[in-house]
Structures are given as structure tokens and as C-alpha cells.
Amino acid sequence: TEVFPDWIPIRDSSESRCWASFWKHKPSVVGIDTEGNHKKGAPVLVQIAVEDGDFTYCILDVPQNDRISKNMKRLLQDDSITKVFCDNYAHFDKKSLGIPVEKDHDWTSGSIVDIESVAARRLGPVKVARGVGRIVTLVMPELNVVIEKPRQVKGNMKSRMQRIGRFALIEQGKLPPLKGVKELKREEKHYAALDALATLRAYRRLIAEKKHEVNG
């Protein structure tokens, strides 16, 4: 079974059938990630990974006018759907989506979960956030994969732009905001979707192992 596929099916949130299909076949859990979240207001891009049996896809949602979409708000407010993040200890993903972050909040249960917290409880606490790549390596050791963000090559802005630099440059105000998902290249879409899907699958593995231990 391909755990992390070479290409993740992408759905553009601006297409009329995208959210309609999502709500019609509402999943019980989704993985969420953002790009360009170190700024005031909404992030540059929101990624929502969905899996239902053999059906896998990722919704890419581009906030307009620095605000998240109505459907994104609806998702965040729907307590029947577990929203899974892999945020660092500054909680940039959650804060950029308007999720209140209280000190010492338990992110291991409820409708908003963070696998950093779940992993800390299962694998032991750490001072520096593990990150989704490290968590995947720890909970899915059978995989021969490395989930790593491309590094910036000093002085090579062209190479950086061709890969994932657009999100950071928009965040910094050096490029105009995205008008829609169609502006993104195939590689940018896959890069953005991968962390959301990895977050979702790592969470499911952590939960499955917990249930196995409980059932003994």
C-alpha cells in the first residue's frame, strides 16, 4: 500500500462542487496545515486532507481579503469533525485560522487536536517541537520516506521561488496575494498537501496504537 502517494489528488475550494461534496460525505477527521502563517490575518493557503476508505484528497483553500472562507469557518466550528494539526509550540497554524490558544490547553482530545501533543504524551515530552517529518519517522518506522521542506540555497532566489518560496514571499509582502489555487504550480500544490496528509495519517497511527495498547 502506498502510504504517501507520489501525487495527492487536489480539490480547489473555489470550485462549486468541492465543499458541497465535502459536506455531503462529511469525514469524521481531517488533517489541516497552512502556508504563510507568520503574519496578521489569515494565512496564504489552507490545506485540508481527507481520507474516506480508499478515497484520498486534499482541499486547497485560498483566503481572500485576508479572511478565511465561510466553509473553513464552518469546518472549524463543527465539533463532529476532528481537526488535526501538527503545529509548533507557537501555534502559528491555529492562530492564523482564528483558533483561540490558551496556555496549558490539552490538544490531545476534543474537536481540535495537535499531534505534537499526542506524540509528547505517547513518546515523551520534548523541548523543541518534533515536526511532522520526525513524528512520521517515529510512528511509521516501516516507511522509507523523509518528509522535509526544501532548504533555501543562499543567494539562489530563483531556485527557491521555483519550489516553495512563493508562500514566504507573499507572507512578507514581496509578492501579491494568491487569487486562487490555479496560480499554484503542480509541485507547490503537492508540497502544500503533503504535510496535511502526513499529519492525518500520523494521527491515525498514533490513535490506532493507543487503542491497541488499551485493548491489549
N, C-alpha and C. Protein backbone atom coordinates (compact mmCIF):
# COMPACT_ATOMS: atom_id res chain seq x y z
N THR A 1 0.84 -1.20 0.00
CA THR A 1 0.00 0.00 0.00
C THR A 1 0.88 1.24 0.00
N GLU A 2 0.56 2.19 -0.85
CA GLU A 2 1.31 3.44 -0.91
C GLU A 2 0.84 4.35 0.21
N VAL A 3 1.69 4.58 1.20
CA VAL A 3 1.29 5.38 2.35
C VAL A 3 1.35 6.86 2.04
N PHE A 4 2.38 7.29 1.32
CA PHE A 4 2.46 8.68 0.89
C PHE A 4 2.60 8.70 -0.63
N PRO A 5 1.50 8.88 -1.33
CA PRO A 5 1.49 8.75 -2.79
C PRO A 5 2.35 9.81 -3.48
N ASP A 6 2.78 9.46 -4.69
CA ASP A 6 3.58 10.41 -5.47
C ASP A 6 2.77 11.66 -5.82
N TRP A 7 1.47 11.50 -5.96
CA TRP A 7 0.63 12.64 -6.29
C TRP A 7 -0.65 12.57 -5.48
N ILE A 8 -0.94 13.62 -4.74
CA ILE A 8 -2.14 13.69 -3.92
C ILE A 8 -3.23 14.40 -4.71
N PRO A 9 -4.38 13.79 -4.91
CA PRO A 9 -5.47 14.45 -5.63
C PRO A 9 -5.84 15.78 -4.96
N ILE A 10 -5.87 16.83 -5.74
CA ILE A 10 -6.14 18.18 -5.22
C ILE A 10 -7.54 18.63 -5.62
N ARG A 11 -8.24 19.25 -4.67
CA ARG A 11 -9.53 19.87 -4.96
C ARG A 11 -9.44 21.37 -4.66
N ASP A 12 -9.87 22.14 -5.61
CA ASP A 12 -9.85 23.60 -5.50
C ASP A 12 -11.11 24.05 -4.77
N SER A 13 -10.96 24.72 -3.64
CA SER A 13 -12.12 25.11 -2.84
C SER A 13 -13.03 26.10 -3.54
N SER A 14 -12.51 26.79 -4.56
CA SER A 14 -13.33 27.77 -5.27
C SER A 14 -14.30 27.12 -6.25
N GLU A 15 -14.09 25.84 -6.54
CA GLU A 15 -15.00 25.13 -7.45
C GLU A 15 -16.27 24.76 -6.70
N SER A 16 -17.39 24.97 -7.32
CA SER A 16 -18.70 24.85 -6.67
C SER A 16 -18.95 23.49 -6.02
N ARG A 17 -18.45 22.42 -6.63
CA ARG A 17 -18.73 21.08 -6.11
C ARG A 17 -17.82 20.66 -4.97
N CYS A 18 -16.74 21.41 -4.77
CA CYS A 18 -15.73 20.99 -3.79
C CYS A 18 -16.30 20.87 -2.38
N TRP A 19 -16.77 21.97 -1.83
CA TRP A 19 -17.28 21.94 -0.46
C TRP A 19 -18.63 21.22 -0.37
N ALA A 20 -19.42 21.29 -1.45
CA ALA A 20 -20.70 20.58 -1.45
C ALA A 20 -20.47 19.08 -1.27
N SER A 21 -19.48 18.54 -1.97
CA SER A 21 -19.14 17.12 -1.86
C SER A 21 -18.57 16.82 -0.47
N PHE A 22 -17.77 17.73 0.05
CA PHE A 22 -17.19 17.54 1.38
C PHE A 22 -18.28 17.40 2.43
N TRP A 23 -19.25 18.30 2.41
CA TRP A 23 -20.31 18.27 3.42
C TRP A 23 -21.29 17.11 3.20
N LYS A 24 -21.46 16.71 1.96
CA LYS A 24 -22.34 15.58 1.67
C LYS A 24 -21.75 14.29 2.21
N HIS A 25 -20.43 14.14 2.08
CA HIS A 25 -19.73 12.95 2.57
C HIS A 25 -18.80 13.38 3.70
N LYS A 26 -19.37 13.99 4.71
CA LYS A 26 -18.60 14.60 5.79
C LYS A 26 -17.71 13.59 6.50
N PRO A 27 -16.41 13.83 6.52
CA PRO A 27 -15.49 12.92 7.20
C PRO A 27 -15.54 13.13 8.71
N SER A 28 -15.05 12.15 9.45
CA SER A 28 -15.01 12.28 10.90
C SER A 28 -13.74 12.97 11.37
N VAL A 29 -12.72 12.97 10.51
CA VAL A 29 -11.44 13.57 10.89
C VAL A 29 -10.74 14.10 9.64
N VAL A 30 -10.05 15.23 9.77
CA VAL A 30 -9.28 15.81 8.67
C VAL A 30 -7.92 16.28 9.21
N GLY A 31 -6.94 16.34 8.34
CA GLY A 31 -5.65 16.92 8.69
C GLY A 31 -5.57 18.32 8.12
N ILE A 32 -5.11 19.27 8.91
CA ILE A 32 -5.05 20.67 8.46
C ILE A 32 -3.65 21.23 8.60
N ASP A 33 -3.23 21.95 7.56
CA ASP A 33 -1.95 22.63 7.57
C ASP A 33 -2.14 23.98 6.89
N THR A 34 -1.23 24.91 7.11
CA THR A 34 -1.29 26.21 6.45
C THR A 34 0.08 26.59 5.91
N GLU A 35 0.08 27.49 4.94
CA GLU A 35 1.32 28.08 4.43
C GLU A 35 1.22 29.59 4.61
N GLY A 36 2.33 30.22 4.92
CA GLY A 36 2.35 31.67 5.06
C GLY A 36 1.54 32.15 6.25
N ASN A 37 1.84 31.63 7.43
CA ASN A 37 1.03 31.96 8.61
C ASN A 37 1.74 32.88 9.60
N HIS A 38 2.92 33.38 9.23
CA HIS A 38 3.64 34.29 10.13
C HIS A 38 3.30 35.75 9.82
N LYS A 39 2.03 36.04 9.78
CA LYS A 39 1.59 37.40 9.50
C LYS A 39 0.24 37.62 10.15
N LYS A 40 -0.19 38.88 10.17
CA LYS A 40 -1.50 39.18 10.72
C LYS A 40 -2.58 38.70 9.74
N GLY A 41 -3.71 38.31 10.28
CA GLY A 41 -4.80 37.86 9.43
C GLY A 41 -4.65 36.41 9.00
N ALA A 42 -5.41 36.05 7.98
CA ALA A 42 -5.43 34.66 7.51
C ALA A 42 -4.12 34.28 6.83
N PRO A 43 -3.82 32.97 6.79
CA PRO A 43 -2.60 32.52 6.11
C PRO A 43 -2.73 32.66 4.60
N VAL A 44 -1.65 32.42 3.91
CA VAL A 44 -1.66 32.49 2.44
C VAL A 44 -2.48 31.35 1.84
N LEU A 45 -2.38 30.17 2.46
CA LEU A 45 -3.06 28.98 1.94
C LEU A 45 -3.44 28.06 3.09
N VAL A 46 -4.60 27.40 2.96
CA VAL A 46 -5.04 26.40 3.95
C VAL A 46 -5.21 25.07 3.22
N GLN A 47 -4.68 24.00 3.82
CA GLN A 47 -4.77 22.67 3.24
C GLN A 47 -5.57 21.76 4.16
N ILE A 48 -6.57 21.06 3.61
CA ILE A 48 -7.41 20.16 4.40
C ILE A 48 -7.33 18.77 3.76
N ALA A 49 -6.68 17.83 4.44
CA ALA A 49 -6.53 16.47 3.93
C ALA A 49 -7.70 15.61 4.39
N VAL A 50 -8.23 14.83 3.46
CA VAL A 50 -9.40 13.99 3.73
C VAL A 50 -9.12 12.57 3.26
N GLU A 51 -9.53 11.59 4.07
CA GLU A 51 -9.46 10.19 3.67
C GLU A 51 -10.73 9.50 4.11
N ASP A 52 -11.35 8.79 3.19
CA ASP A 52 -12.56 8.04 3.49
C ASP A 52 -12.43 6.69 2.80
N GLY A 53 -11.96 5.71 3.53
CA GLY A 53 -11.70 4.42 2.91
C GLY A 53 -10.53 4.54 1.96
N ASP A 54 -10.75 4.15 0.70
CA ASP A 54 -9.68 4.24 -0.29
C ASP A 54 -9.65 5.60 -0.98
N PHE A 55 -10.52 6.51 -0.55
CA PHE A 55 -10.64 7.80 -1.22
C PHE A 55 -9.81 8.84 -0.47
N THR A 56 -8.83 9.42 -1.14
CA THR A 56 -7.94 10.40 -0.53
C THR A 56 -7.87 11.65 -1.40
N TYR A 57 -7.95 12.82 -0.76
CA TYR A 57 -7.77 14.07 -1.49
C TYR A 57 -7.42 15.19 -0.52
N CYS A 58 -7.00 16.32 -1.06
CA CYS A 58 -6.68 17.48 -0.24
C CYS A 58 -7.33 18.72 -0.84
N ILE A 59 -8.11 19.41 -0.02
CA ILE A 59 -8.70 20.67 -0.43
C ILE A 59 -7.68 21.78 -0.20
N LEU A 60 -7.46 22.60 -1.22
CA LEU A 60 -6.63 23.79 -1.07
C LEU A 60 -7.54 25.00 -1.07
N ASP A 61 -7.45 25.79 -0.02
CA ASP A 61 -8.34 26.93 0.19
C ASP A 61 -7.50 28.22 0.30
N VAL A 62 -7.75 29.16 -0.60
CA VAL A 62 -7.01 30.43 -0.60
C VAL A 62 -7.86 31.51 0.05
N PRO A 63 -7.48 31.97 1.25
CA PRO A 63 -8.23 33.05 1.90
C PRO A 63 -8.21 34.32 1.03
N GLN A 64 -9.34 35.00 0.97
CA GLN A 64 -9.44 36.23 0.20
C GLN A 64 -9.63 37.41 1.15
N ASN A 65 -9.01 38.53 0.80
CA ASN A 65 -9.10 39.74 1.63
C ASN A 65 -8.66 39.47 3.06
N ASP A 66 -7.68 38.57 3.21
CA ASP A 66 -7.09 38.25 4.50
C ASP A 66 -8.09 37.62 5.47
N ARG A 67 -9.09 36.91 4.93
CA ARG A 67 -10.08 36.24 5.77
C ARG A 67 -10.28 34.81 5.30
N ILE A 68 -10.45 33.89 6.24
CA ILE A 68 -10.72 32.51 5.85
C ILE A 68 -12.15 32.41 5.32
N SER A 69 -12.40 31.39 4.51
CA SER A 69 -13.69 31.24 3.85
C SER A 69 -14.79 30.81 4.83
N LYS A 70 -16.03 30.99 4.41
CA LYS A 70 -17.17 30.60 5.23
C LYS A 70 -17.16 29.09 5.50
N ASN A 71 -16.79 28.31 4.50
CA ASN A 71 -16.75 26.86 4.69
C ASN A 71 -15.63 26.45 5.63
N MET A 72 -14.53 27.19 5.59
CA MET A 72 -13.44 26.90 6.53
C MET A 72 -13.87 27.22 7.96
N LYS A 73 -14.58 28.31 8.14
CA LYS A 73 -15.12 28.65 9.45
C LYS A 73 -16.10 27.58 9.93
N ARG A 74 -16.94 27.14 9.01
CA ARG A 74 -17.92 26.10 9.35
C ARG A 74 -17.21 24.83 9.80
N LEU A 75 -16.14 24.46 9.09
CA LEU A 75 -15.38 23.26 9.45
C LEU A 75 -14.77 23.41 10.85
N LEU A 76 -14.18 24.55 11.11
CA LEU A 76 -13.54 24.76 12.42
C LEU A 76 -14.55 24.73 13.56
N GLN A 77 -15.79 25.13 13.27
CA GLN A 77 -16.82 25.19 14.30
C GLN A 77 -17.61 23.90 14.45
N ASP A 78 -17.38 22.94 13.55
CA ASP A 78 -18.12 21.68 13.56
C ASP A 78 -17.44 20.70 14.52
N ASP A 79 -18.02 20.52 15.68
CA ASP A 79 -17.42 19.66 16.70
C ASP A 79 -17.51 18.17 16.36
N SER A 80 -18.28 17.82 15.33
CA SER A 80 -18.39 16.41 14.95
C SER A 80 -17.22 15.97 14.07
N ILE A 81 -16.41 16.92 13.63
CA ILE A 81 -15.24 16.61 12.81
C ILE A 81 -13.98 16.94 13.62
N THR A 82 -13.10 15.97 13.77
CA THR A 82 -11.83 16.22 14.46
C THR A 82 -10.86 16.87 13.49
N LYS A 83 -10.35 18.04 13.87
CA LYS A 83 -9.37 18.76 13.07
C LYS A 83 -7.98 18.52 13.65
N VAL A 84 -7.10 17.90 12.86
CA VAL A 84 -5.78 17.52 13.36
C VAL A 84 -4.71 18.43 12.78
N PHE A 85 -3.91 19.01 13.67
CA PHE A 85 -2.81 19.87 13.28
C PHE A 85 -1.48 19.24 13.70
N CYS A 86 -0.39 19.73 13.11
CA CYS A 86 0.95 19.46 13.63
C CYS A 86 1.62 20.82 13.70
N ASP A 87 1.34 21.54 14.77
CA ASP A 87 1.78 22.91 14.94
C ASP A 87 3.01 22.95 15.83
N ASN A 88 3.85 23.95 15.66
CA ASN A 88 4.93 24.11 16.62
C ASN A 88 4.38 24.73 17.90
N TYR A 89 5.22 24.94 18.88
CA TYR A 89 4.73 25.39 20.17
C TYR A 89 4.23 26.84 20.15
N ALA A 90 4.46 27.55 19.05
CA ALA A 90 3.93 28.92 18.90
C ALA A 90 2.51 28.90 18.33
N HIS A 91 2.06 27.73 17.85
CA HIS A 91 0.70 27.54 17.36
C HIS A 91 0.34 28.49 16.21
N PHE A 92 1.27 28.68 15.29
CA PHE A 92 1.03 29.60 14.18
C PHE A 92 -0.14 29.17 13.29
N ASP A 93 -0.25 27.86 13.01
CA ASP A 93 -1.35 27.38 12.17
C ASP A 93 -2.70 27.73 12.80
N LYS A 94 -2.85 27.36 14.05
CA LYS A 94 -4.13 27.58 14.73
C LYS A 94 -4.46 29.07 14.85
N LYS A 95 -3.50 29.85 15.27
CA LYS A 95 -3.74 31.28 15.46
C LYS A 95 -4.11 31.96 14.15
N SER A 96 -3.47 31.55 13.06
CA SER A 96 -3.76 32.17 11.76
C SER A 96 -5.18 31.89 11.29
N LEU A 97 -5.78 30.82 11.83
CA LEU A 97 -7.16 30.46 11.48
C LEU A 97 -8.16 30.97 12.52
N GLY A 98 -7.68 31.72 13.46
CA GLY A 98 -8.57 32.32 14.47
C GLY A 98 -8.93 31.39 15.61
N ILE A 99 -8.19 30.31 15.78
CA ILE A 99 -8.46 29.37 16.87
C ILE A 99 -7.84 29.90 18.16
N PRO A 100 -8.61 30.08 19.21
CA PRO A 100 -8.06 30.57 20.48
C PRO A 100 -7.03 29.58 21.03
N VAL A 101 -5.90 30.09 21.48
CA VAL A 101 -4.85 29.25 22.05
C VAL A 101 -4.62 29.68 23.49
N GLU A 102 -5.00 28.81 24.41
CA GLU A 102 -4.82 29.09 25.83
C GLU A 102 -3.64 28.32 26.39
N LYS A 103 -2.94 28.91 27.32
CA LYS A 103 -1.78 28.27 27.92
C LYS A 103 -2.19 26.97 28.62
N ASP A 104 -1.38 25.94 28.42
CA ASP A 104 -1.59 24.63 29.05
C ASP A 104 -2.86 23.93 28.57
N HIS A 105 -3.40 24.34 27.41
CA HIS A 105 -4.58 23.66 26.86
C HIS A 105 -4.19 22.24 26.43
N ASP A 106 -5.10 21.30 26.64
CA ASP A 106 -4.87 19.91 26.26
C ASP A 106 -5.29 19.72 24.80
N TRP A 107 -4.29 19.56 23.91
CA TRP A 107 -4.57 19.39 22.49
C TRP A 107 -4.59 17.92 22.08
N THR A 108 -4.75 17.01 23.04
CA THR A 108 -4.75 15.59 22.71
C THR A 108 -6.15 15.02 22.50
N SER A 109 -7.17 15.82 22.77
CA SER A 109 -8.55 15.35 22.60
C SER A 109 -9.44 16.53 22.24
N GLY A 110 -10.70 16.21 21.92
CA GLY A 110 -11.63 17.25 21.52
C GLY A 110 -11.70 17.35 20.01
N SER A 111 -12.32 18.41 19.50
CA SER A 111 -12.51 18.55 18.06
C SER A 111 -11.31 19.18 17.37
N ILE A 112 -10.37 19.73 18.15
CA ILE A 112 -9.13 20.26 17.58
C ILE A 112 -7.97 19.60 18.32
N VAL A 113 -7.16 18.84 17.57
CA VAL A 113 -6.10 18.03 18.14
C VAL A 113 -4.77 18.40 17.48
N ASP A 114 -3.70 18.28 18.24
CA ASP A 114 -2.36 18.53 17.69
C ASP A 114 -1.50 17.30 17.93
N ILE A 115 -0.95 16.75 16.85
CA ILE A 115 -0.19 15.51 17.04
C ILE A 115 1.14 15.76 17.76
N GLU A 116 1.58 17.01 17.85
CA GLU A 116 2.75 17.29 18.69
C GLU A 116 2.42 16.92 20.14
N SER A 117 1.22 17.28 20.58
CA SER A 117 0.80 16.97 21.94
C SER A 117 0.53 15.49 22.12
N VAL A 118 -0.10 14.87 21.12
CA VAL A 118 -0.38 13.43 21.18
C VAL A 118 0.93 12.66 21.24
N ALA A 119 1.90 13.06 20.41
CA ALA A 119 3.19 12.39 20.39
C ALA A 119 3.94 12.60 21.70
N ALA A 120 3.83 13.80 22.27
CA ALA A 120 4.50 14.08 23.54
C ALA A 120 3.98 13.17 24.65
N ARG A 121 2.67 12.93 24.62
CA ARG A 121 2.08 12.06 25.64
C ARG A 121 2.46 10.60 25.42
N ARG A 122 2.55 10.19 24.16
CA ARG A 122 2.84 8.78 23.87
C ARG A 122 4.33 8.47 23.85
N LEU A 123 5.14 9.43 23.34
CA LEU A 123 6.55 9.17 23.14
C LEU A 123 7.45 9.90 24.13
N GLY A 124 6.85 10.80 24.91
CA GLY A 124 7.63 11.57 25.86
C GLY A 124 7.75 13.03 25.43
N PRO A 125 7.78 13.95 26.38
CA PRO A 125 7.85 15.38 26.07
C PRO A 125 9.23 15.78 25.54
N VAL A 126 9.24 16.82 24.72
CA VAL A 126 10.49 17.38 24.18
C VAL A 126 10.42 18.89 24.28
N LYS A 127 11.58 19.52 24.35
CA LYS A 127 11.62 20.98 24.47
C LYS A 127 11.38 21.66 23.13
N VAL A 128 11.82 21.03 22.05
CA VAL A 128 11.64 21.56 20.70
C VAL A 128 10.65 20.68 19.95
N ALA A 129 9.68 21.30 19.31
CA ALA A 129 8.65 20.54 18.58
C ALA A 129 9.30 19.57 17.59
N ARG A 130 8.75 18.37 17.54
CA ARG A 130 9.33 17.34 16.68
C ARG A 130 9.12 17.64 15.20
N GLY A 131 7.95 18.16 14.86
CA GLY A 131 7.64 18.39 13.45
C GLY A 131 7.04 17.14 12.83
N VAL A 132 6.27 17.34 11.77
CA VAL A 132 5.54 16.21 11.19
C VAL A 132 6.48 15.15 10.62
N GLY A 133 7.60 15.57 10.03
CA GLY A 133 8.53 14.60 9.46
C GLY A 133 9.10 13.66 10.51
N ARG A 134 9.49 14.22 11.65
CA ARG A 134 10.06 13.42 12.73
C ARG A 134 9.01 12.49 13.33
N ILE A 135 7.79 12.99 13.50
CA ILE A 135 6.73 12.18 14.08
C ILE A 135 6.39 11.00 13.15
N VAL A 136 6.33 11.26 11.85
CA VAL A 136 6.07 10.18 10.90
C VAL A 136 7.17 9.13 11.00
N THR A 137 8.42 9.56 11.09
CA THR A 137 9.53 8.62 11.21
C THR A 137 9.41 7.75 12.47
N LEU A 138 8.96 8.36 13.55
CA LEU A 138 8.85 7.65 14.82
C LEU A 138 7.68 6.68 14.87
N VAL A 139 6.54 7.08 14.33
CA VAL A 139 5.34 6.25 14.46
C VAL A 139 5.12 5.34 13.25
N MET A 140 5.83 5.61 12.16
CA MET A 140 5.74 4.77 10.97
C MET A 140 7.14 4.33 10.54
N PRO A 141 7.87 3.62 11.41
CA PRO A 141 9.25 3.27 11.10
C PRO A 141 9.41 2.35 9.90
N GLU A 142 8.31 1.72 9.50
CA GLU A 142 8.40 0.81 8.36
C GLU A 142 8.51 1.56 7.04
N LEU A 143 8.25 2.87 7.07
CA LEU A 143 8.31 3.65 5.84
C LEU A 143 9.73 4.11 5.55
N ASN A 144 10.10 4.07 4.32
CA ASN A 144 11.40 4.59 3.91
C ASN A 144 11.17 5.94 3.24
N VAL A 145 10.67 6.89 4.03
CA VAL A 145 10.36 8.22 3.48
C VAL A 145 10.96 9.29 4.38
N VAL A 146 11.23 10.42 3.79
CA VAL A 146 11.68 11.59 4.53
C VAL A 146 10.81 12.76 4.10
N ILE A 147 10.07 13.32 5.05
CA ILE A 147 9.24 14.48 4.76
C ILE A 147 10.01 15.70 5.22
N GLU A 148 10.55 16.42 4.28
CA GLU A 148 11.42 17.53 4.61
C GLU A 148 11.13 18.71 3.70
N LYS A 149 11.04 19.89 4.28
CA LYS A 149 10.83 21.09 3.49
C LYS A 149 12.14 21.44 2.80
N PRO A 150 12.07 21.82 1.51
CA PRO A 150 13.30 22.19 0.82
C PRO A 150 14.00 23.35 1.50
N ARG A 151 15.29 23.27 1.60
CA ARG A 151 16.04 24.33 2.23
C ARG A 151 16.33 25.46 1.25
N GLN A 152 16.43 26.67 1.77
CA GLN A 152 16.78 27.80 0.94
C GLN A 152 18.26 27.77 0.64
N VAL A 153 18.61 27.90 -0.61
CA VAL A 153 20.01 27.97 -1.01
C VAL A 153 20.41 29.43 -1.01
N LYS A 154 21.42 29.77 -0.24
CA LYS A 154 21.81 31.17 -0.09
C LYS A 154 22.14 31.78 -1.44
N GLY A 155 21.47 32.90 -1.72
CA GLY A 155 21.72 33.62 -2.96
C GLY A 155 20.99 33.05 -4.16
N ASN A 156 20.28 31.95 -3.98
CA ASN A 156 19.60 31.32 -5.11
C ASN A 156 18.11 31.53 -5.00
N MET A 157 17.66 32.77 -5.14
CA MET A 157 16.25 33.10 -5.00
C MET A 157 15.42 32.45 -6.11
N LYS A 158 15.99 32.33 -7.30
CA LYS A 158 15.25 31.73 -8.41
C LYS A 158 14.87 30.30 -8.09
N SER A 159 15.83 29.53 -7.57
CA SER A 159 15.56 28.14 -7.21
C SER A 159 14.52 28.07 -6.11
N ARG A 160 14.64 28.95 -5.12
CA ARG A 160 13.69 28.96 -4.01
C ARG A 160 12.28 29.29 -4.52
N MET A 161 12.19 30.26 -5.42
CA MET A 161 10.89 30.65 -5.97
C MET A 161 10.25 29.49 -6.72
N GLN A 162 11.08 28.72 -7.41
CA GLN A 162 10.56 27.62 -8.21
C GLN A 162 10.02 26.50 -7.34
N ARG A 163 10.40 26.50 -6.07
CA ARG A 163 9.98 25.41 -5.20
C ARG A 163 8.86 25.86 -4.28
N ILE A 164 9.17 26.41 -3.14
CA ILE A 164 8.12 26.75 -2.18
C ILE A 164 8.21 28.18 -1.67
N GLY A 165 9.13 28.98 -2.26
CA GLY A 165 9.36 30.33 -1.75
C GLY A 165 8.21 31.29 -1.94
N ARG A 166 7.30 30.99 -2.85
CA ARG A 166 6.21 31.92 -3.12
C ARG A 166 5.38 32.20 -1.87
N PHE A 167 5.11 31.18 -1.08
CA PHE A 167 4.30 31.37 0.13
C PHE A 167 4.97 32.34 1.10
N ALA A 168 6.29 32.17 1.28
CA ALA A 168 7.02 33.05 2.19
C ALA A 168 7.08 34.48 1.66
N LEU A 169 7.24 34.63 0.36
CA LEU A 169 7.34 35.96 -0.22
C LEU A 169 6.00 36.70 -0.17
N ILE A 170 4.90 35.96 -0.33
CA ILE A 170 3.58 36.57 -0.18
C ILE A 170 3.38 36.99 1.27
N GLU A 171 3.79 36.12 2.17
CA GLU A 171 3.68 36.38 3.60
C GLU A 171 4.43 37.66 3.98
N GLN A 172 5.58 37.87 3.35
CA GLN A 172 6.42 39.04 3.63
C GLN A 172 6.00 40.28 2.87
N GLY A 173 4.98 40.15 2.02
CA GLY A 173 4.52 41.29 1.24
C GLY A 173 5.36 41.59 0.02
N LYS A 174 6.23 40.64 -0.36
CA LYS A 174 7.11 40.85 -1.51
C LYS A 174 6.47 40.38 -2.82
N LEU A 175 5.37 39.65 -2.71
CA LEU A 175 4.57 39.23 -3.85
C LEU A 175 3.11 39.46 -3.51
N PRO A 176 2.26 39.72 -4.51
CA PRO A 176 0.83 39.93 -4.23
C PRO A 176 0.16 38.65 -3.75
N PRO A 177 -0.93 38.74 -2.99
CA PRO A 177 -1.65 37.55 -2.51
C PRO A 177 -2.13 36.68 -3.67
N LEU A 178 -2.29 35.40 -3.39
CA LEU A 178 -2.83 34.49 -4.39
C LEU A 178 -4.28 34.85 -4.69
N LYS A 179 -4.65 34.78 -5.96
CA LYS A 179 -6.04 34.99 -6.34
C LYS A 179 -6.81 33.67 -6.29
N GLY A 180 -6.07 32.58 -6.41
CA GLY A 180 -6.72 31.28 -6.39
C GLY A 180 -5.72 30.15 -6.51
N VAL A 181 -6.21 28.94 -6.34
CA VAL A 181 -5.36 27.74 -6.39
C VAL A 181 -4.74 27.54 -7.76
N LYS A 182 -5.43 27.99 -8.80
CA LYS A 182 -4.95 27.78 -10.16
C LYS A 182 -3.62 28.48 -10.43
N GLU A 183 -3.26 29.45 -9.60
CA GLU A 183 -1.98 30.14 -9.77
C GLU A 183 -0.80 29.28 -9.32
N LEU A 184 -1.08 28.25 -8.54
CA LEU A 184 -0.01 27.41 -8.00
C LEU A 184 0.44 26.36 -9.01
N LYS A 185 1.73 26.09 -9.01
CA LYS A 185 2.27 25.04 -9.85
C LYS A 185 1.97 23.68 -9.22
N ARG A 186 2.08 22.64 -10.01
CA ARG A 186 1.79 21.29 -9.54
C ARG A 186 2.65 20.94 -8.32
N GLU A 187 3.94 21.29 -8.37
CA GLU A 187 4.86 20.97 -7.27
C GLU A 187 4.47 21.73 -6.01
N GLU A 188 4.01 22.96 -6.15
CA GLU A 188 3.60 23.76 -5.00
C GLU A 188 2.35 23.17 -4.35
N LYS A 189 1.44 22.70 -5.16
CA LYS A 189 0.22 22.07 -4.64
C LYS A 189 0.56 20.80 -3.86
N HIS A 190 1.42 19.97 -4.43
CA HIS A 190 1.77 18.72 -3.77
C HIS A 190 2.53 18.99 -2.47
N TYR A 191 3.46 19.93 -2.53
CA TYR A 191 4.22 20.29 -1.32
C TYR A 191 3.27 20.72 -0.21
N ALA A 192 2.31 21.56 -0.56
CA ALA A 192 1.37 22.06 0.45
C ALA A 192 0.48 20.94 0.99
N ALA A 193 0.04 20.06 0.12
CA ALA A 193 -0.89 18.99 0.52
C ALA A 193 -0.21 17.92 1.36
N LEU A 194 1.07 17.69 1.14
CA LEU A 194 1.77 16.57 1.78
C LEU A 194 1.75 16.64 3.30
N ASP A 195 2.04 17.82 3.86
CA ASP A 195 2.08 17.93 5.32
C ASP A 195 0.71 17.66 5.94
N ALA A 196 -0.34 18.12 5.28
CA ALA A 196 -1.70 17.90 5.81
C ALA A 196 -2.02 16.41 5.81
N LEU A 197 -1.68 15.72 4.73
CA LEU A 197 -1.95 14.28 4.65
C LEU A 197 -1.07 13.50 5.63
N ALA A 198 0.19 13.89 5.74
CA ALA A 198 1.10 13.22 6.67
C ALA A 198 0.61 13.40 8.11
N THR A 199 0.12 14.59 8.41
CA THR A 199 -0.42 14.87 9.75
C THR A 199 -1.60 13.95 10.05
N LEU A 200 -2.51 13.82 9.09
CA LEU A 200 -3.69 12.98 9.27
C LEU A 200 -3.30 11.52 9.48
N ARG A 201 -2.39 11.02 8.67
CA ARG A 201 -2.02 9.60 8.76
C ARG A 201 -1.20 9.29 10.01
N ALA A 202 -0.36 10.24 10.42
CA ALA A 202 0.39 10.05 11.66
C ALA A 202 -0.56 10.01 12.85
N TYR A 203 -1.56 10.87 12.83
CA TYR A 203 -2.56 10.88 13.91
C TYR A 203 -3.29 9.54 13.97
N ARG A 204 -3.68 9.03 12.84
CA ARG A 204 -4.40 7.75 12.82
C ARG A 204 -3.53 6.62 13.33
N ARG A 205 -2.25 6.67 13.03
CA ARG A 205 -1.34 5.64 13.53
C ARG A 205 -1.20 5.76 15.05
N LEU A 206 -1.05 6.97 15.55
CA LEU A 206 -0.94 7.19 16.99
C LEU A 206 -2.19 6.71 17.72
N ILE A 207 -3.35 7.02 17.16
CA ILE A 207 -4.62 6.62 17.77
C ILE A 207 -4.79 5.10 17.71
N ALA A 208 -4.41 4.50 16.58
CA ALA A 208 -4.53 3.05 16.42
C ALA A 208 -3.65 2.32 17.43
N GLU A 209 -2.43 2.84 17.65
CA GLU A 209 -1.53 2.22 18.61
C GLU A 209 -2.05 2.36 20.03
N LYS A 210 -2.67 3.50 20.33
CA LYS A 210 -3.23 3.71 21.65
C LYS A 210 -4.37 2.72 21.90
N LYS A 211 -5.24 2.53 20.91
CA LYS A 211 -6.35 1.59 21.05
C LYS A 211 -5.84 0.17 21.21
N HIS A 212 -4.76 -0.15 20.48
CA HIS A 212 -4.17 -1.50 20.57
C HIS A 212 -3.65 -1.77 21.96
N GLU A 213 -3.00 -0.75 22.55
CA GLU A 213 -2.46 -0.91 23.91
C GLU A 213 -3.59 -1.06 24.93
N VAL A 214 -4.66 -0.29 24.74
CA VAL A 214 -5.78 -0.35 25.65
C VAL A 214 -6.48 -1.69 25.59
N ASN A 215 -6.65 -2.21 24.36
CA ASN A 215 -7.33 -3.49 24.18
C ASN A 215 -6.43 -4.68 24.48
N GLY A 216 -5.12 -4.35 24.53
CA GLY A 216 -4.14 -5.35 24.90
C GLY A 216 -4.07 -6.56 24.02
